[in-house]
Amino acid sequence: MRHFVVEIIYKAPIEKIEELTPIHREFLQTGYKAGMLLVSGPKVPRTGGIVIAKANTMEELAEFFKNDPYSLNDVADYSFIEFNAKSHQEILKDWLE
């Protein structure tokens, strides 16, 4: 598995984002249930969000996020940054391997 930081960058007014946030979070739960996502949350200040994820390829991860309500409603852009996890807390061992 490869590891990624996903940056979600809002491009719509926060009112539109807040309208879609509940179904966005429901969507993310499918990634958690599949073991693809580790942690997610809004940036401070709230100009977007950050997700730590794993997938076989960046394309697979990008395909997953195409179904995000933020993407489907064209209110956010996504940046996918791959990284090599070299050091970690012991609690993350199973998720990283």
PDB file of N, CA and C in Angstrom:
ATOM      1  N   MET A   1       0.845  -1.191   0.000  1.00  0.00           N
ATOM      2  CA  MET A   1       0.000   0.000   0.000  1.00  0.00           C
ATOM      3  C   MET A   1       0.883   1.244   0.000  1.00  0.00           C
ATOM      4  N   ARG A   2       0.361   2.256  -0.631  1.00  0.00           N
ATOM      5  CA  ARG A   2       1.031   3.559  -0.664  1.00  0.00           C
ATOM      6  C   ARG A   2       0.247   4.525   0.218  1.00  0.00           C
ATOM      7  N   HIS A   3       0.933   5.503   0.772  1.00  0.00           N
ATOM      8  CA  HIS A   3       0.320   6.422   1.731  1.00  0.00           C
ATOM      9  C   HIS A   3       0.272   7.833   1.167  1.00  0.00           C
ATOM     10  N   PHE A   4      -0.797   8.552   1.543  1.00  0.00           N
ATOM     11  CA  PHE A   4      -1.071   9.856   0.948  1.00  0.00           C
ATOM     12  C   PHE A   4      -1.617  10.847   1.962  1.00  0.00           C
ATOM     13  N   VAL A   5      -1.301  12.099   1.729  1.00  0.00           N
ATOM     14  CA  VAL A   5      -1.997  13.218   2.342  1.00  0.00           C
ATOM     15  C   VAL A   5      -2.903  13.767   1.245  1.00  0.00           C
ATOM     16  N   VAL A   6      -4.169  13.873   1.549  1.00  0.00           N
ATOM     17  CA  VAL A   6      -5.126  14.456   0.612  1.00  0.00           C
ATOM     18  C   VAL A   6      -5.491  15.830   1.154  1.00  0.00           C
ATOM     19  N   GLU A   7      -5.240  16.845   0.344  1.00  0.00           N
ATOM     20  CA  GLU A   7      -5.659  18.189   0.720  1.00  0.00           C
ATOM     21  C   GLU A   7      -6.907  18.533  -0.077  1.00  0.00           C
ATOM     22  N   ILE A   8      -7.953  18.880   0.634  1.00  0.00           N
ATOM     23  CA  ILE A   8      -9.195  19.332   0.014  1.00  0.00           C
ATOM     24  C   ILE A   8      -9.198  20.852   0.102  1.00  0.00           C
ATOM     25  N   ILE A   9      -9.359  21.511  -1.029  1.00  0.00           N
ATOM     26  CA  ILE A   9      -9.309  22.968  -1.091  1.00  0.00           C
ATOM     27  C   ILE A   9     -10.678  23.480  -1.524  1.00  0.00           C
ATOM     28  N   TYR A  10     -11.355  24.175  -0.617  1.00  0.00           N
ATOM     29  CA  TYR A  10     -12.682  24.706  -0.940  1.00  0.00           C
ATOM     30  C   TYR A  10     -12.583  25.787  -2.008  1.00  0.00           C
ATOM     31  N   LYS A  11     -13.544  25.773  -2.925  1.00  0.00           N
ATOM     32  CA  LYS A  11     -13.630  26.819  -3.952  1.00  0.00           C
ATOM     33  C   LYS A  11     -15.039  27.407  -4.039  1.00  0.00           C
ATOM     34  N   ALA A  12     -15.819  27.169  -2.997  1.00  0.00           N
ATOM     35  CA  ALA A  12     -17.184  27.708  -2.914  1.00  0.00           C
ATOM     36  C   ALA A  12     -17.330  28.405  -1.560  1.00  0.00           C
ATOM     37  N   PRO A  13     -18.325  29.249  -1.430  1.00  0.00           N
ATOM     38  CA  PRO A  13     -18.565  29.896  -0.133  1.00  0.00           C
ATOM     39  C   PRO A  13     -18.787  28.861   0.964  1.00  0.00           C
ATOM     40  N   ILE A  14     -18.352  29.198   2.174  1.00  0.00           N
ATOM     41  CA  ILE A  14     -18.450  28.274   3.298  1.00  0.00           C
ATOM     42  C   ILE A  14     -19.887  27.823   3.547  1.00  0.00           C
ATOM     43  N   GLU A  15     -20.868  28.646   3.217  1.00  0.00           N
ATOM     44  CA  GLU A  15     -22.274  28.269   3.403  1.00  0.00           C
ATOM     45  C   GLU A  15     -22.617  27.037   2.553  1.00  0.00           C
ATOM     46  N   LYS A  16     -22.115  26.987   1.332  1.00  0.00           N
ATOM     47  CA  LYS A  16     -22.354  25.830   0.458  1.00  0.00           C
ATOM     48  C   LYS A  16     -21.615  24.608   0.997  1.00  0.00           C
ATOM     49  N   ILE A  17     -20.392  24.820   1.483  1.00  0.00           N
ATOM     50  CA  ILE A  17     -19.611  23.722   2.065  1.00  0.00           C
ATOM     51  C   ILE A  17     -20.351  23.138   3.261  1.00  0.00           C
ATOM     52  N   GLU A  18     -20.824  24.002   4.148  1.00  0.00           N
ATOM     53  CA  GLU A  18     -21.533  23.537   5.347  1.00  0.00           C
ATOM     54  C   GLU A  18     -22.801  22.776   4.996  1.00  0.00           C
ATOM     55  N   GLU A  19     -23.444  23.160   3.922  1.00  0.00           N
ATOM     56  CA  GLU A  19     -24.649  22.458   3.464  1.00  0.00           C
ATOM     57  C   GLU A  19     -24.314  21.013   3.074  1.00  0.00           C
ATOM     58  N   LEU A  20     -23.140  20.813   2.484  1.00  0.00           N
ATOM     59  CA  LEU A  20     -22.734  19.492   2.000  1.00  0.00           C
ATOM     60  C   LEU A  20     -21.929  18.676   3.016  1.00  0.00           C
ATOM     61  N   THR A  21     -21.479  19.307   4.096  1.00  0.00           N
ATOM     62  CA  THR A  21     -20.598  18.632   5.047  1.00  0.00           C
ATOM     63  C   THR A  21     -21.182  17.342   5.624  1.00  0.00           C
ATOM     64  N   PRO A  22     -22.449  17.291   6.038  1.00  0.00           N
ATOM     65  CA  PRO A  22     -22.955  16.024   6.583  1.00  0.00           C
ATOM     66  C   PRO A  22     -22.855  14.853   5.593  1.00  0.00           C
ATOM     67  N   ILE A  23     -23.184  15.072   4.321  1.00  0.00           N
ATOM     68  CA  ILE A  23     -23.093  13.955   3.372  1.00  0.00           C
ATOM     69  C   ILE A  23     -21.639  13.689   2.960  1.00  0.00           C
ATOM     70  N   HIS A  24     -20.788  14.702   3.020  1.00  0.00           N
ATOM     71  CA  HIS A  24     -19.347  14.506   2.808  1.00  0.00           C
ATOM     72  C   HIS A  24     -18.802  13.575   3.891  1.00  0.00           C
ATOM     73  N   ARG A  25     -19.175  13.823   5.133  1.00  0.00           N
ATOM     74  CA  ARG A  25     -18.691  12.988   6.243  1.00  0.00           C
ATOM     75  C   ARG A  25     -19.247  11.571   6.162  1.00  0.00           C
ATOM     76  N   GLU A  26     -20.480  11.422   5.711  1.00  0.00           N
ATOM     77  CA  GLU A  26     -21.031  10.077   5.476  1.00  0.00           C
ATOM     78  C   GLU A  26     -20.222   9.360   4.406  1.00  0.00           C
ATOM     79  N   PHE A  27     -19.886  10.076   3.346  1.00  0.00           N
ATOM     80  CA  PHE A  27     -19.063   9.509   2.279  1.00  0.00           C
ATOM     81  C   PHE A  27     -17.717   9.040   2.836  1.00  0.00           C
ATOM     82  N   LEU A  28     -17.071   9.867   3.651  1.00  0.00           N
ATOM     83  CA  LEU A  28     -15.771   9.492   4.212  1.00  0.00           C
ATOM     84  C   LEU A  28     -15.870   8.207   5.031  1.00  0.00           C
ATOM     85  N   GLN A  29     -16.995   7.981   5.673  1.00  0.00           N
ATOM     86  CA  GLN A  29     -17.157   6.756   6.465  1.00  0.00           C
ATOM     87  C   GLN A  29     -16.988   5.507   5.609  1.00  0.00           C
ATOM     88  N   THR A  30     -17.336   5.572   4.330  1.00  0.00           N
ATOM     89  CA  THR A  30     -17.130   4.397   3.463  1.00  0.00           C
ATOM     90  C   THR A  30     -15.636   4.110   3.324  1.00  0.00           C
ATOM     91  N   GLY A  31     -14.816   5.151   3.303  1.00  0.00           N
ATOM     92  CA  GLY A  31     -13.368   4.975   3.243  1.00  0.00           C
ATOM     93  C   GLY A  31     -12.799   4.438   4.541  1.00  0.00           C
ATOM     94  N   TYR A  32     -13.360   4.883   5.667  1.00  0.00           N
ATOM     95  CA  TYR A  32     -12.928   4.347   6.959  1.00  0.00           C
ATOM     96  C   TYR A  32     -13.291   2.870   7.062  1.00  0.00           C
ATOM     97  N   LYS A  33     -14.504   2.513   6.684  1.00  0.00           N
ATOM     98  CA  LYS A  33     -14.945   1.119   6.765  1.00  0.00           C
ATOM     99  C   LYS A  33     -14.103   0.212   5.872  1.00  0.00           C
ATOM    100  N   ALA A  34     -13.632   0.742   4.742  1.00  0.00           N
ATOM    101  CA  ALA A  34     -12.793  -0.032   3.817  1.00  0.00           C
ATOM    102  C   ALA A  34     -11.327  -0.085   4.267  1.00  0.00           C
ATOM    103  N   GLY A  35     -10.989   0.638   5.344  1.00  0.00           N
ATOM    104  CA  GLY A  35      -9.615   0.665   5.815  1.00  0.00           C
ATOM    105  C   GLY A  35      -8.711   1.592   5.027  1.00  0.00           C
ATOM    106  N   MET A  36      -9.284   2.408   4.174  1.00  0.00           N
ATOM    107  CA  MET A  36      -8.515   3.308   3.300  1.00  0.00           C
ATOM    108  C   MET A  36      -8.113   4.601   4.010  1.00  0.00           C
ATOM    109  N   LEU A  37      -8.931   5.076   4.944  1.00  0.00           N
ATOM    110  CA  LEU A  37      -8.694   6.353   5.601  1.00  0.00           C
ATOM    111  C   LEU A  37      -8.269   6.148   7.042  1.00  0.00           C
ATOM    112  N   LEU A  38      -7.348   7.001   7.503  1.00  0.00           N
ATOM    113  CA  LEU A  38      -6.873   6.943   8.876  1.00  0.00           C
ATOM    114  C   LEU A  38      -7.430   8.082   9.717  1.00  0.00           C
ATOM    115  N   VAL A  39      -7.386   9.288   9.168  1.00  0.00           N
ATOM    116  CA  VAL A  39      -7.848  10.462   9.912  1.00  0.00           C
ATOM    117  C   VAL A  39      -8.228  11.551   8.912  1.00  0.00           C
ATOM    118  N   SER A  40      -9.190  12.399   9.308  1.00  0.00           N
ATOM    119  CA  SER A  40      -9.609  13.494   8.431  1.00  0.00           C
ATOM    120  C   SER A  40     -10.179  14.620   9.275  1.00  0.00           C
ATOM    121  N   GLY A  41     -10.159  15.815   8.713  1.00  0.00           N
ATOM    122  CA  GLY A  41     -10.758  16.937   9.409  1.00  0.00           C
ATOM    123  C   GLY A  41     -10.510  18.239   8.680  1.00  0.00           C
ATOM    124  N   PRO A  42     -11.242  19.289   9.086  1.00  0.00           N
ATOM    125  CA  PRO A  42     -11.107  20.591   8.432  1.00  0.00           C
ATOM    126  C   PRO A  42      -9.786  21.270   8.812  1.00  0.00           C
ATOM    127  N   LYS A  43      -9.275  22.071   7.877  1.00  0.00           N
ATOM    128  CA  LYS A  43      -8.107  22.892   8.157  1.00  0.00           C
ATOM    129  C   LYS A  43      -8.532  24.070   9.025  1.00  0.00           C
ATOM    130  N   VAL A  44      -7.558  24.688   9.689  1.00  0.00           N
ATOM    131  CA  VAL A  44      -7.789  25.882  10.501  1.00  0.00           C
ATOM    132  C   VAL A  44      -6.869  26.970   9.971  1.00  0.00           C
ATOM    133  N   PRO A  45      -7.430  28.058   9.426  1.00  0.00           N
ATOM    134  CA  PRO A  45      -8.855  28.356   9.275  1.00  0.00           C
ATOM    135  C   PRO A  45      -9.503  27.415   8.259  1.00  0.00           C
ATOM    136  N   ARG A  46     -10.812  27.395   8.250  1.00  0.00           N
ATOM    137  CA  ARG A  46     -11.584  26.421   7.453  1.00  0.00           C
ATOM    138  C   ARG A  46     -11.624  26.800   5.978  1.00  0.00           C
ATOM    139  N   THR A  47     -10.521  26.506   5.298  1.00  0.00           N
ATOM    140  CA  THR A  47     -10.414  26.743   3.858  1.00  0.00           C
ATOM    141  C   THR A  47     -10.385  25.432   3.083  1.00  0.00           C
ATOM    142  N   GLY A  48     -10.541  24.328   3.800  1.00  0.00           N
ATOM    143  CA  GLY A  48     -10.493  23.015   3.179  1.00  0.00           C
ATOM    144  C   GLY A  48     -10.335  21.961   4.248  1.00  0.00           C
ATOM    145  N   GLY A  49      -9.810  20.815   3.846  1.00  0.00           N
ATOM    146  CA  GLY A  49      -9.634  19.715   4.782  1.00  0.00           C
ATOM    147  C   GLY A  49      -8.398  18.911   4.467  1.00  0.00           C
ATOM    148  N   ILE A  50      -8.034  18.034   5.414  1.00  0.00           N
ATOM    149  CA  ILE A  50      -6.888  17.142   5.265  1.00  0.00           C
ATOM    150  C   ILE A  50      -7.354  15.723   5.564  1.00  0.00           C
ATOM    151  N   VAL A  51      -6.872  14.776   4.762  1.00  0.00           N
ATOM    152  CA  VAL A  51      -7.165  13.359   4.962  1.00  0.00           C
ATOM    153  C   VAL A  51      -5.848  12.600   4.849  1.00  0.00           C
ATOM    154  N   ILE A  52      -5.616  11.662   5.766  1.00  0.00           N
ATOM    155  CA  ILE A  52      -4.491  10.739   5.646  1.00  0.00           C
ATOM    156  C   ILE A  52      -5.092   9.421   5.162  1.00  0.00           C
ATOM    157  N   ALA A  53      -4.550   8.914   4.048  1.00  0.00           N
ATOM    158  CA  ALA A  53      -5.168   7.763   3.388  1.00  0.00           C
ATOM    159  C   ALA A  53      -4.112   6.793   2.872  1.00  0.00           C
ATOM    160  N   LYS A  54      -4.579   5.607   2.518  1.00  0.00           N
ATOM    161  CA  LYS A  54      -3.721   4.639   1.837  1.00  0.00           C
ATOM    162  C   LYS A  54      -4.508   4.020   0.693  1.00  0.00           C
ATOM    163  N   ALA A  55      -3.777   3.654  -0.353  1.00  0.00           N
ATOM    164  CA  ALA A  55      -4.392   3.038  -1.534  1.00  0.00           C
ATOM    165  C   ALA A  55      -3.290   2.336  -2.312  1.00  0.00           C
ATOM    166  N   ASN A  56      -3.683   1.494  -3.237  1.00  0.00           N
ATOM    167  CA  ASN A  56      -2.696   0.823  -4.090  1.00  0.00           C
ATOM    168  C   ASN A  56      -2.006   1.794  -5.027  1.00  0.00           C
ATOM    169  N   THR A  57      -2.760   2.785  -5.515  1.00  0.00           N
ATOM    170  CA  THR A  57      -2.216   3.785  -6.432  1.00  0.00           C
ATOM    171  C   THR A  57      -2.871   5.131  -6.151  1.00  0.00           C
ATOM    172  N   MET A  58      -2.223   6.187  -6.612  1.00  0.00           N
ATOM    173  CA  MET A  58      -2.809   7.513  -6.494  1.00  0.00           C
ATOM    174  C   MET A  58      -4.088   7.598  -7.319  1.00  0.00           C
ATOM    175  N   GLU A  59      -4.108   6.913  -8.446  1.00  0.00           N
ATOM    176  CA  GLU A  59      -5.294   6.916  -9.305  1.00  0.00           C
ATOM    177  C   GLU A  59      -6.487   6.284  -8.593  1.00  0.00           C
ATOM    178  N   GLU A  60      -6.241   5.214  -7.856  1.00  0.00           N
ATOM    179  CA  GLU A  60      -7.312   4.566  -7.093  1.00  0.00           C
ATOM    180  C   GLU A  60      -7.879   5.534  -6.049  1.00  0.00           C
ATOM    181  N   LEU A  61      -7.006   6.256  -5.372  1.00  0.00           N
ATOM    182  CA  LEU A  61      -7.447   7.220  -4.368  1.00  0.00           C
ATOM    183  C   LEU A  61      -8.211   8.375  -5.012  1.00  0.00           C
ATOM    184  N   ALA A  62      -7.701   8.875  -6.127  1.00  0.00           N
ATOM    185  CA  ALA A  62      -8.380   9.960  -6.840  1.00  0.00           C
ATOM    186  C   ALA A  62      -9.764   9.502  -7.308  1.00  0.00           C
ATOM    187  N   GLU A  63      -9.866   8.266  -7.756  1.00  0.00           N
ATOM    188  CA  GLU A  63     -11.154   7.720  -8.195  1.00  0.00           C
ATOM    189  C   GLU A  63     -12.141   7.674  -7.026  1.00  0.00           C
ATOM    190  N   PHE A  64     -11.668   7.275  -5.854  1.00  0.00           N
ATOM    191  CA  PHE A  64     -12.513   7.263  -4.661  1.00  0.00           C
ATOM    192  C   PHE A  64     -13.065   8.664  -4.390  1.00  0.00           C
ATOM    193  N   PHE A  65     -12.197   9.670  -4.409  1.00  0.00           N
ATOM    194  CA  PHE A  65     -12.621  11.024  -4.075  1.00  0.00           C
ATOM    195  C   PHE A  65     -13.474  11.670  -5.167  1.00  0.00           C
ATOM    196  N   LYS A  66     -13.526  11.116  -6.358  1.00  0.00           N
ATOM    197  CA  LYS A  66     -14.443  11.631  -7.380  1.00  0.00           C
ATOM    198  C   LYS A  66     -15.897  11.490  -6.933  1.00  0.00           C
ATOM    199  N   ASN A  67     -16.158  10.560  -6.010  1.00  0.00           N
ATOM    200  CA  ASN A  67     -17.516  10.337  -5.512  1.00  0.00           C
ATOM    201  C   ASN A  67     -17.834  11.132  -4.260  1.00  0.00           C
ATOM    202  N   ASP A  68     -16.882  11.918  -3.790  1.00  0.00           N
ATOM    203  CA  ASP A  68     -17.112  12.789  -2.640  1.00  0.00           C
ATOM    204  C   ASP A  68     -18.160  13.838  -3.028  1.00  0.00           C
ATOM    205  N   PRO A  69     -19.160  14.075  -2.174  1.00  0.00           N
ATOM    206  CA  PRO A  69     -20.151  15.109  -2.484  1.00  0.00           C
ATOM    207  C   PRO A  69     -19.535  16.479  -2.788  1.00  0.00           C
ATOM    208  N   TYR A  70     -18.396  16.808  -2.193  1.00  0.00           N
ATOM    209  CA  TYR A  70     -17.726  18.066  -2.534  1.00  0.00           C
ATOM    210  C   TYR A  70     -17.292  18.057  -3.996  1.00  0.00           C
ATOM    211  N   SER A  71     -16.789  16.924  -4.459  1.00  0.00           N
ATOM    212  CA  SER A  71     -16.371  16.809  -5.856  1.00  0.00           C
ATOM    213  C   SER A  71     -17.584  16.782  -6.785  1.00  0.00           C
ATOM    214  N   LEU A  72     -18.580  16.003  -6.434  1.00  0.00           N
ATOM    215  CA  LEU A  72     -19.779  15.879  -7.271  1.00  0.00           C
ATOM    216  C   LEU A  72     -20.502  17.209  -7.442  1.00  0.00           C
ATOM    217  N   ASN A  73     -20.380  18.091  -6.446  1.00  0.00           N
ATOM    218  CA  ASN A  73     -21.015  19.406  -6.508  1.00  0.00           C
ATOM    219  C   ASN A  73     -20.041  20.509  -6.908  1.00  0.00           C
ATOM    220  N   ASP A  74     -18.829  20.124  -7.293  1.00  0.00           N
ATOM    221  CA  ASP A  74     -17.804  21.051  -7.789  1.00  0.00           C
ATOM    222  C   ASP A  74     -17.540  22.216  -6.835  1.00  0.00           C
ATOM    223  N   VAL A  75     -17.423  21.884  -5.525  1.00  0.00           N
ATOM    224  CA  VAL A  75     -17.149  22.935  -4.543  1.00  0.00           C
ATOM    225  C   VAL A  75     -15.741  22.834  -3.958  1.00  0.00           C
ATOM    226  N   ALA A  76     -14.960  21.840  -4.413  1.00  0.00           N
ATOM    227  CA  ALA A  76     -13.612  21.671  -3.878  1.00  0.00           C
ATOM    228  C   ALA A  76     -12.698  21.060  -4.926  1.00  0.00           C
ATOM    229  N   ASP A  77     -11.412  21.365  -4.782  1.00  0.00           N
ATOM    230  CA  ASP A  77     -10.352  20.716  -5.560  1.00  0.00           C
ATOM    231  C   ASP A  77      -9.572  19.832  -4.601  1.00  0.00           C
ATOM    232  N   TYR A  78      -8.829  18.887  -5.161  1.00  0.00           N
ATOM    233  CA  TYR A  78      -8.096  17.908  -4.364  1.00  0.00           C
ATOM    234  C   TYR A  78      -6.643  17.862  -4.797  1.00  0.00           C
ATOM    235  N   SER A  79      -5.759  17.765  -3.812  1.00  0.00           N
ATOM    236  CA  SER A  79      -4.340  17.579  -4.060  1.00  0.00           C
ATOM    237  C   SER A  79      -3.933  16.272  -3.374  1.00  0.00           C
ATOM    238  N   PHE A  80      -3.286  15.383  -4.098  1.00  0.00           N
ATOM    239  CA  PHE A  80      -2.874  14.085  -3.567  1.00  0.00           C
ATOM    240  C   PHE A  80      -1.355  14.065  -3.474  1.00  0.00           C
ATOM    241  N   ILE A  81      -0.851  13.914  -2.262  1.00  0.00           N
ATOM    242  CA  ILE A  81       0.583  13.945  -2.009  1.00  0.00           C
ATOM    243  C   ILE A  81       0.995  12.591  -1.449  1.00  0.00           C
ATOM    244  N   GLU A  82       1.802  11.853  -2.193  1.00  0.00           N
ATOM    245  CA  GLU A  82       2.274  10.560  -1.714  1.00  0.00           C
ATOM    246  C   GLU A  82       3.482  10.766  -0.813  1.00  0.00           C
ATOM    247  N   PHE A  83       3.573   9.935   0.233  1.00  0.00           N
ATOM    248  CA  PHE A  83       4.744   9.978   1.100  1.00  0.00           C
ATOM    249  C   PHE A  83       5.094   8.567   1.554  1.00  0.00           C
ATOM    250  N   ASN A  84       6.354   8.382   1.942  1.00  0.00           N
ATOM    251  CA  ASN A  84       6.826   7.106   2.473  1.00  0.00           C
ATOM    252  C   ASN A  84       6.840   7.192   3.990  1.00  0.00           C
ATOM    253  N   ALA A  85       5.984   6.421   4.626  1.00  0.00           N
ATOM    254  CA  ALA A  85       5.904   6.409   6.087  1.00  0.00           C
ATOM    255  C   ALA A  85       7.084   5.613   6.636  1.00  0.00           C
ATOM    256  N   LYS A  86       8.030   6.293   7.220  1.00  0.00           N
ATOM    257  CA  LYS A  86       9.236   5.649   7.753  1.00  0.00           C
ATOM    258  C   LYS A  86       9.185   5.486   9.264  1.00  0.00           C
ATOM    259  N   SER A  87       8.616   6.441   9.953  1.00  0.00           N
ATOM    260  CA  SER A  87       8.518   6.392  11.414  1.00  0.00           C
ATOM    261  C   SER A  87       7.066   6.614  11.806  1.00  0.00           C
ATOM    262  N   HIS A  88       6.656   5.968  12.899  1.00  0.00           N
ATOM    263  CA  HIS A  88       5.262   6.082  13.319  1.00  0.00           C
ATOM    264  C   HIS A  88       5.100   5.617  14.751  1.00  0.00           C
ATOM    265  N   GLN A  89       3.993   5.999  15.335  1.00  0.00           N
ATOM    266  CA  GLN A  89       3.615   5.480  16.639  1.00  0.00           C
ATOM    267  C   GLN A  89       3.278   3.995  16.480  1.00  0.00           C
ATOM    268  N   GLU A  90       3.586   3.205  17.485  1.00  0.00           N
ATOM    269  CA  GLU A  90       3.342   1.755  17.437  1.00  0.00           C
ATOM    270  C   GLU A  90       1.875   1.439  17.134  1.00  0.00           C
ATOM    271  N   ILE A  91       0.964   2.267  17.607  1.00  0.00           N
ATOM    272  CA  ILE A  91      -0.467   2.050  17.397  1.00  0.00           C
ATOM    273  C   ILE A  91      -0.846   2.024  15.905  1.00  0.00           C
ATOM    274  N   LEU A  92      -0.027   2.627  15.052  1.00  0.00           N
ATOM    275  CA  LEU A  92      -0.317   2.689  13.608  1.00  0.00           C
ATOM    276  C   LEU A  92       0.272   1.527  12.822  1.00  0.00           C
ATOM    277  N   LYS A  93       1.009   0.652  13.468  1.00  0.00           N
ATOM    278  CA  LYS A  93       1.726  -0.426  12.763  1.00  0.00           C
ATOM    279  C   LYS A  93       0.816  -1.231  11.828  1.00  0.00           C
ATOM    280  N   ASP A  94      -0.314  -1.700  12.334  1.00  0.00           N
ATOM    281  CA  ASP A  94      -1.209  -2.526  11.504  1.00  0.00           C
ATOM    282  C   ASP A  94      -1.763  -1.751  10.322  1.00  0.00           C
ATOM    283  N   TRP A  95      -2.130  -0.482  10.521  1.00  0.00           N
ATOM    284  CA  TRP A  95      -2.707   0.303   9.441  1.00  0.00           C
ATOM    285  C   TRP A  95      -1.671   0.586   8.349  1.00  0.00           C
ATOM    286  N   LEU A  96      -0.430   0.798   8.756  1.00  0.00           N
ATOM    287  CA  LEU A  96       0.616   1.131   7.795  1.00  0.00           C
ATOM    288  C   LEU A  96       1.114  -0.075   7.017  1.00  0.00           C
ATOM    289  N   GLU A  97       0.989  -1.244   7.569  1.00  0.00           N
ATOM    290  CA  GLU A  97       1.516  -2.448   6.876  1.00  0.00           C
ATOM    291  C   GLU A  97       0.491  -3.115   6.009  1.00  0.00           C
TER     292      GLU A  97
END
